[in-house]
Amino acid sequence: MAPKITDFVEDAGAPGIIAGIGAVLLAPVILPIVAGIGKPIAKSIIKGGIVAYEKSRGAFAELGETWEDIVAEAKAELAESKETPVFESANSPADNTIEG
């Protein structure tokens, strides 16, 4: 069975009813004040988020450039090691002595 308004009034008691009436009467006064305070707070939170996003975007771009530089250096070292022939001596140092 659905609760009746009388059940609510009995459960809330006099203090609950007085608080409810007070909230309804003060809402037109309190809401603009809360909105006046809340709007600048919300704007400052949004601004902080935008600044953090921009800074992180710059940091990630710098990290990407650093990563690309490291990869390019590694590739260059690999290419250099492939181009440089490895010479092995056919003779031992003892064989290189001048006989006279």
C-alpha atoms as a PDB file:
ATOM      1  CA  MET A   1       0.000   0.000   0.000  1.00  0.00           C
ATOM      2  CA  ALA A   2       1.306   3.459  -0.909  1.00  0.00           C
ATOM      3  CA  PRO A   3       2.352   5.674   1.997  1.00  0.00           C
ATOM      4  CA  LYS A   4       0.015   8.498   2.827  1.00  0.00           C
ATOM      5  CA  ILE A   5       0.929  12.093   3.575  1.00  0.00           C
ATOM      6  CA  THR A   6      -0.331  11.594   7.100  1.00  0.00           C
ATOM      7  CA  ASP A   7       2.226   8.798   7.595  1.00  0.00           C
ATOM      8  CA  PHE A   8       4.988  11.178   6.537  1.00  0.00           C
ATOM      9  CA  VAL A   9       3.775  13.904   8.891  1.00  0.00           C
ATOM     10  CA  GLU A  10       3.608  11.463  11.788  1.00  0.00           C
ATOM     11  CA  ASP A  11       7.114  10.101  11.045  1.00  0.00           C
ATOM     12  CA  ALA A  12       8.752  13.512  10.550  1.00  0.00           C
ATOM     13  CA  GLY A  13       7.215  15.085  13.626  1.00  0.00           C
ATOM     14  CA  ALA A  14       6.991  18.788  14.356  1.00  0.00           C
ATOM     15  CA  PRO A  15      10.718  19.563  13.889  1.00  0.00           C
ATOM     16  CA  GLY A  16      10.733  17.905  10.468  1.00  0.00           C
ATOM     17  CA  ILE A  17       7.673  19.792   9.324  1.00  0.00           C
ATOM     18  CA  ILE A  18       9.068  23.117  10.545  1.00  0.00           C
ATOM     19  CA  ALA A  19      12.390  22.439   8.782  1.00  0.00           C
ATOM     20  CA  GLY A  20      10.562  21.560   5.553  1.00  0.00           C
ATOM     21  CA  ILE A  21       8.464  24.721   5.643  1.00  0.00           C
ATOM     22  CA  GLY A  22      11.538  26.797   6.433  1.00  0.00           C
ATOM     23  CA  ALA A  23      13.440  25.263   3.506  1.00  0.00           C
ATOM     24  CA  VAL A  24      10.575  26.037   1.137  1.00  0.00           C
ATOM     25  CA  LEU A  25      10.335  29.628   2.373  1.00  0.00           C
ATOM     26  CA  LEU A  26      14.101  30.269   2.341  1.00  0.00           C
ATOM     27  CA  ALA A  27      14.834  28.552  -0.994  1.00  0.00           C
ATOM     28  CA  PRO A  28      14.261  31.705  -3.099  1.00  0.00           C
ATOM     29  CA  VAL A  29      16.750  33.554  -0.889  1.00  0.00           C
ATOM     30  CA  ILE A  30      19.356  30.800  -0.448  1.00  0.00           C
ATOM     31  CA  LEU A  31      19.495  29.486  -4.035  1.00  0.00           C
ATOM     32  CA  PRO A  32      20.798  32.750  -5.590  1.00  0.00           C
ATOM     33  CA  ILE A  33      23.439  32.999  -2.864  1.00  0.00           C
ATOM     34  CA  VAL A  34      24.551  29.408  -3.416  1.00  0.00           C
ATOM     35  CA  ALA A  35      24.513  29.956  -7.179  1.00  0.00           C
ATOM     36  CA  GLY A  36      26.553  33.160  -6.742  1.00  0.00           C
ATOM     37  CA  ILE A  37      29.167  31.297  -4.731  1.00  0.00           C
ATOM     38  CA  GLY A  38      28.985  28.075  -6.739  1.00  0.00           C
ATOM     39  CA  LYS A  39      29.455  29.649 -10.167  1.00  0.00           C
ATOM     40  CA  PRO A  40      32.905  31.150  -9.457  1.00  0.00           C
ATOM     41  CA  ILE A  41      33.980  27.916  -7.799  1.00  0.00           C
ATOM     42  CA  ALA A  42      32.807  25.891 -10.791  1.00  0.00           C
ATOM     43  CA  LYS A  43      34.574  28.290 -13.175  1.00  0.00           C
ATOM     44  CA  SER A  44      37.842  28.054 -11.221  1.00  0.00           C
ATOM     45  CA  ILE A  45      37.646  24.245 -11.262  1.00  0.00           C
ATOM     46  CA  ILE A  46      37.052  24.281 -15.021  1.00  0.00           C
ATOM     47  CA  LYS A  47      39.939  26.724 -15.554  1.00  0.00           C
ATOM     48  CA  GLY A  48      42.228  24.494 -13.495  1.00  0.00           C
ATOM     49  CA  GLY A  49      41.215  21.514 -15.589  1.00  0.00           C
ATOM     50  CA  ILE A  50      41.941  23.359 -18.819  1.00  0.00           C
ATOM     51  CA  VAL A  51      45.369  24.482 -17.564  1.00  0.00           C
ATOM     52  CA  ALA A  52      46.222  20.948 -16.431  1.00  0.00           C
ATOM     53  CA  TYR A  53      45.122  19.583 -19.813  1.00  0.00           C
ATOM     54  CA  GLU A  54      47.276  22.083 -21.714  1.00  0.00           C
ATOM     55  CA  LYS A  55      50.332  21.398 -19.552  1.00  0.00           C
ATOM     56  CA  SER A  56      49.944  17.638 -19.843  1.00  0.00           C
ATOM     57  CA  ARG A  57      49.452  17.943 -23.595  1.00  0.00           C
ATOM     58  CA  GLY A  58      52.748  19.841 -23.858  1.00  0.00           C
ATOM     59  CA  ALA A  59      54.507  17.338 -21.617  1.00  0.00           C
ATOM     60  CA  PHE A  60      53.242  14.401 -23.691  1.00  0.00           C
ATOM     61  CA  ALA A  61      54.351  16.122 -26.907  1.00  0.00           C
ATOM     62  CA  GLU A  62      57.824  16.622 -25.435  1.00  0.00           C
ATOM     63  CA  LEU A  63      57.912  13.013 -24.274  1.00  0.00           C
ATOM     64  CA  GLY A  64      56.936  11.878 -27.779  1.00  0.00           C
ATOM     65  CA  GLU A  65      59.733  13.949 -29.335  1.00  0.00           C
ATOM     66  CA  THR A  66      62.261  12.532 -26.876  1.00  0.00           C
ATOM     67  CA  TRP A  67      61.081   9.021 -27.655  1.00  0.00           C
ATOM     68  CA  GLU A  68      61.388   9.638 -31.405  1.00  0.00           C
ATOM     69  CA  ASP A  69      64.925  10.972 -30.900  1.00  0.00           C
ATOM     70  CA  ILE A  70      65.942   7.883 -28.938  1.00  0.00           C
ATOM     71  CA  VAL A  71      64.458   5.569 -31.579  1.00  0.00           C
ATOM     72  CA  ALA A  72      66.236   7.500 -34.363  1.00  0.00           C
ATOM     73  CA  GLU A  73      69.565   7.289 -32.516  1.00  0.00           C
ATOM     74  CA  ALA A  74      69.132   3.559 -31.971  1.00  0.00           C
ATOM     75  CA  LYS A  75      68.342   3.028 -35.668  1.00  0.00           C
ATOM     76  CA  ALA A  76      71.375   5.108 -36.657  1.00  0.00           C
ATOM     77  CA  GLU A  77      73.627   3.032 -34.389  1.00  0.00           C
ATOM     78  CA  LEU A  78      72.239  -0.188 -35.871  1.00  0.00           C
ATOM     79  CA  ALA A  79      72.800   1.088 -39.421  1.00  0.00           C
ATOM     80  CA  GLU A  80      76.330   2.195 -38.523  1.00  0.00           C
ATOM     81  CA  SER A  81      77.183  -1.186 -37.032  1.00  0.00           C
ATOM     82  CA  LYS A  82      75.970  -2.920 -40.232  1.00  0.00           C
ATOM     83  CA  GLU A  83      78.082  -0.645 -42.468  1.00  0.00           C
ATOM     84  CA  THR A  84      81.281  -0.963 -40.457  1.00  0.00           C
ATOM     85  CA  PRO A  85      83.016  -4.192 -41.471  1.00  0.00           C
ATOM     86  CA  VAL A  86      84.473  -6.267 -38.742  1.00  0.00           C
ATOM     87  CA  PHE A  87      88.089  -7.070 -39.618  1.00  0.00           C
ATOM     88  CA  GLU A  88      89.582 -10.226 -38.275  1.00  0.00           C
ATOM     89  CA  SER A  89      93.261 -10.671 -38.394  1.00  0.00           C
ATOM     90  CA  ALA A  90      94.334 -13.646 -40.503  1.00  0.00           C
ATOM     91  CA  ASN A  91      97.687 -13.798 -38.772  1.00  0.00           C
ATOM     92  CA  SER A  92      98.485 -13.835 -35.148  1.00  0.00           C
ATOM     93  CA  PRO A  93     100.776 -11.087 -33.837  1.00  0.00           C
ATOM     94  CA  ALA A  94     103.627 -13.579 -33.722  1.00  0.00           C
ATOM     95  CA  ASP A  95     103.334 -14.167 -37.467  1.00  0.00           C
ATOM     96  CA  ASN A  96     103.859 -10.451 -38.174  1.00  0.00           C
ATOM     97  CA  THR A  97     107.474 -10.376 -37.030  1.00  0.00           C
ATOM     98  CA  ILE A  98     110.064  -9.369 -39.558  1.00  0.00           C
ATOM     99  CA  GLU A  99     112.422 -12.128 -40.383  1.00  0.00           C
ATOM    100  CA  GLY A 100     115.688 -11.015 -41.392  1.00  0.00           C
END
